[in-house]
Amino acid sequence: MNERLFTNLGNLVDDYMLGNTRIKIYDGAYAGRTENDIDIILKKIAEIGVRAYIEEDETLEESVS
């Protein structure tokens, strides 16, 4: 696990359960960042989500074929 990810957790923004998994959202990733930096981070997150969705969709199509 990458130690750098946990050096500045920041403030706890949200804490909830999803099934048996506890989800904690912190704002530390944005501390000291410009608005442009945050926009770039959010675009990367969106790209990762889209790629994961496409890969899952392709996997489902292959299993149906």
N, C-alpha and C. Protein backbone atom coordinates (compact mmCIF):
# COMPACT_ATOMS: atom_id res chain seq x y z
N MET A 1 0.84 -1.18 0.00
CA MET A 1 0.00 0.00 0.00
C MET A 1 0.89 1.24 0.00
N ASN A 2 0.47 2.25 -0.69
CA ASN A 2 1.25 3.47 -0.83
C ASN A 2 1.11 4.35 0.42
N GLU A 3 2.20 4.48 1.18
CA GLU A 3 2.19 5.28 2.41
C GLU A 3 1.83 6.74 2.14
N ARG A 4 2.20 7.25 0.97
CA ARG A 4 1.96 8.65 0.64
C ARG A 4 0.46 8.98 0.66
N LEU A 5 -0.37 8.02 0.35
CA LEU A 5 -1.81 8.25 0.33
C LEU A 5 -2.36 8.61 1.69
N PHE A 6 -1.67 8.23 2.76
CA PHE A 6 -2.21 8.41 4.10
C PHE A 6 -1.48 9.48 4.92
N THR A 7 -0.62 10.27 4.29
CA THR A 7 0.14 11.26 5.05
C THR A 7 -0.70 12.46 5.46
N ASN A 8 -1.67 12.86 4.65
CA ASN A 8 -2.52 14.00 4.97
C ASN A 8 -3.97 13.63 4.68
N LEU A 9 -4.62 13.00 5.64
CA LEU A 9 -6.01 12.61 5.43
C LEU A 9 -6.93 13.81 5.36
N GLY A 10 -6.60 14.86 6.06
CA GLY A 10 -7.46 16.04 6.06
C GLY A 10 -8.66 15.84 6.95
N ASN A 11 -9.74 16.49 6.59
CA ASN A 11 -10.98 16.44 7.37
C ASN A 11 -11.88 15.31 6.87
N LEU A 12 -12.53 14.62 7.80
CA LEU A 12 -13.50 13.61 7.43
C LEU A 12 -14.74 14.32 6.88
N VAL A 13 -15.06 14.06 5.62
CA VAL A 13 -16.18 14.72 4.95
C VAL A 13 -17.44 13.88 5.06
N ASP A 14 -17.30 12.55 4.92
CA ASP A 14 -18.46 11.67 4.98
C ASP A 14 -18.01 10.30 5.47
N ASP A 15 -18.89 9.60 6.14
CA ASP A 15 -18.61 8.28 6.68
C ASP A 15 -19.91 7.49 6.58
N TYR A 16 -19.91 6.40 5.79
CA TYR A 16 -21.13 5.62 5.63
C TYR A 16 -20.79 4.16 5.36
N MET A 17 -21.79 3.33 5.43
CA MET A 17 -21.63 1.90 5.16
C MET A 17 -22.25 1.58 3.80
N LEU A 18 -21.55 0.74 3.05
CA LEU A 18 -22.05 0.23 1.78
C LEU A 18 -21.97 -1.29 1.91
N GLY A 19 -23.09 -1.91 2.25
CA GLY A 19 -23.06 -3.33 2.57
C GLY A 19 -22.27 -3.52 3.85
N ASN A 20 -21.25 -4.38 3.80
CA ASN A 20 -20.40 -4.63 4.96
C ASN A 20 -19.14 -3.78 4.95
N THR A 21 -19.06 -2.82 4.04
CA THR A 21 -17.86 -2.00 3.88
C THR A 21 -18.09 -0.59 4.40
N ARG A 22 -17.19 -0.12 5.26
CA ARG A 22 -17.26 1.25 5.76
C ARG A 22 -16.50 2.15 4.78
N ILE A 23 -17.13 3.21 4.34
CA ILE A 23 -16.54 4.17 3.42
C ILE A 23 -16.31 5.47 4.18
N LYS A 24 -15.06 5.94 4.17
CA LYS A 24 -14.74 7.23 4.79
C LYS A 24 -14.14 8.13 3.72
N ILE A 25 -14.70 9.32 3.59
CA ILE A 25 -14.26 10.29 2.59
C ILE A 25 -13.55 11.43 3.31
N TYR A 26 -12.31 11.69 2.91
CA TYR A 26 -11.52 12.78 3.48
C TYR A 26 -11.19 13.79 2.39
N ASP A 27 -10.95 15.04 2.77
CA ASP A 27 -10.64 16.08 1.80
C ASP A 27 -9.15 16.38 1.70
N GLY A 28 -8.30 15.59 2.30
CA GLY A 28 -6.86 15.83 2.32
C GLY A 28 -6.21 15.84 0.95
N ALA A 29 -6.79 15.15 -0.01
CA ALA A 29 -6.21 15.10 -1.36
C ALA A 29 -6.23 16.47 -2.03
N TYR A 30 -7.10 17.35 -1.56
CA TYR A 30 -7.25 18.67 -2.18
C TYR A 30 -6.56 19.78 -1.41
N ALA A 31 -5.99 19.48 -0.25
CA ALA A 31 -5.34 20.50 0.57
C ALA A 31 -4.15 21.09 -0.17
N GLY A 32 -4.10 22.39 -0.27
CA GLY A 32 -2.99 23.07 -0.91
C GLY A 32 -2.99 22.99 -2.43
N ARG A 33 -4.07 22.58 -3.02
CA ARG A 33 -4.16 22.45 -4.48
C ARG A 33 -4.94 23.62 -5.07
N THR A 34 -4.59 23.97 -6.29
CA THR A 34 -5.32 25.04 -6.97
C THR A 34 -6.59 24.45 -7.57
N GLU A 35 -7.47 25.32 -8.00
CA GLU A 35 -8.71 24.87 -8.64
C GLU A 35 -8.40 24.07 -9.90
N ASN A 36 -7.37 24.49 -10.64
CA ASN A 36 -6.96 23.77 -11.84
C ASN A 36 -6.46 22.37 -11.49
N ASP A 37 -5.67 22.25 -10.42
CA ASP A 37 -5.19 20.95 -9.96
C ASP A 37 -6.37 20.02 -9.64
N ILE A 38 -7.35 20.56 -8.94
CA ILE A 38 -8.52 19.77 -8.56
C ILE A 38 -9.30 19.34 -9.79
N ASP A 39 -9.45 20.22 -10.77
CA ASP A 39 -10.13 19.86 -12.02
C ASP A 39 -9.42 18.71 -12.72
N ILE A 40 -8.10 18.75 -12.74
CA ILE A 40 -7.32 17.68 -13.37
C ILE A 40 -7.53 16.37 -12.62
N ILE A 41 -7.50 16.42 -11.29
CA ILE A 41 -7.73 15.22 -10.48
C ILE A 41 -9.11 14.63 -10.77
N LEU A 42 -10.13 15.47 -10.80
CA LEU A 42 -11.49 15.00 -11.04
C LEU A 42 -11.65 14.41 -12.44
N LYS A 43 -10.98 14.98 -13.44
CA LYS A 43 -11.03 14.43 -14.79
C LYS A 43 -10.39 13.05 -14.83
N LYS A 44 -9.26 12.88 -14.12
CA LYS A 44 -8.60 11.58 -14.06
C LYS A 44 -9.50 10.54 -13.39
N ILE A 45 -10.18 10.94 -12.32
CA ILE A 45 -11.10 10.03 -11.64
C ILE A 45 -12.22 9.61 -12.59
N ALA A 46 -12.76 10.56 -13.33
CA ALA A 46 -13.83 10.26 -14.28
C ALA A 46 -13.34 9.31 -15.37
N GLU A 47 -12.13 9.53 -15.87
CA GLU A 47 -11.56 8.65 -16.90
C GLU A 47 -11.39 7.23 -16.38
N ILE A 48 -10.93 7.09 -15.14
CA ILE A 48 -10.77 5.77 -14.54
C ILE A 48 -12.12 5.07 -14.45
N GLY A 49 -13.14 5.80 -14.02
CA GLY A 49 -14.48 5.23 -13.92
C GLY A 49 -15.03 4.79 -15.26
N VAL A 50 -14.84 5.61 -16.28
CA VAL A 50 -15.33 5.28 -17.62
C VAL A 50 -14.62 4.04 -18.15
N ARG A 51 -13.28 3.98 -17.97
CA ARG A 51 -12.54 2.80 -18.43
C ARG A 51 -13.00 1.54 -17.72
N ALA A 52 -13.23 1.63 -16.42
CA ALA A 52 -13.69 0.46 -15.66
C ALA A 52 -15.06 0.02 -16.14
N TYR A 53 -15.94 0.98 -16.41
CA TYR A 53 -17.28 0.66 -16.92
C TYR A 53 -17.20 -0.03 -18.27
N ILE A 54 -16.37 0.50 -19.16
CA ILE A 54 -16.23 -0.07 -20.50
C ILE A 54 -15.65 -1.48 -20.42
N GLU A 55 -14.63 -1.67 -19.60
CA GLU A 55 -14.02 -3.00 -19.44
C GLU A 55 -15.03 -4.00 -18.89
N GLU A 56 -15.83 -3.59 -17.92
CA GLU A 56 -16.86 -4.46 -17.35
C GLU A 56 -17.90 -4.81 -18.40
N ASP A 57 -18.30 -3.81 -19.19
CA ASP A 57 -19.29 -4.03 -20.25
C ASP A 57 -18.76 -5.02 -21.29
N GLU A 58 -17.49 -4.85 -21.66
CA GLU A 58 -16.88 -5.78 -22.63
C GLU A 58 -16.81 -7.18 -22.08
N THR A 59 -16.51 -7.32 -20.79
CA THR A 59 -16.43 -8.63 -20.14
C THR A 59 -17.81 -9.28 -20.16
N LEU A 60 -18.85 -8.51 -19.87
CA LEU A 60 -20.21 -9.06 -19.89
C LEU A 60 -20.61 -9.50 -21.29
N GLU A 61 -20.23 -8.70 -22.31
CA GLU A 61 -20.56 -9.06 -23.68
C GLU A 61 -19.87 -10.35 -24.09
N GLU A 62 -18.62 -10.53 -23.66
CA GLU A 62 -17.87 -11.75 -24.00
C GLU A 62 -18.50 -12.98 -23.34
N SER A 63 -19.00 -12.82 -22.12
CA SER A 63 -19.60 -13.97 -21.42
C SER A 63 -20.94 -14.35 -22.01
N VAL A 64 -21.62 -13.40 -22.63
CA VAL A 64 -22.92 -13.68 -23.25
C VAL A 64 -22.72 -14.35 -24.61
N SER A 65 -21.63 -14.02 -25.29
CA SER A 65 -21.37 -14.56 -26.64
C SER A 65 -21.02 -16.02 -26.62
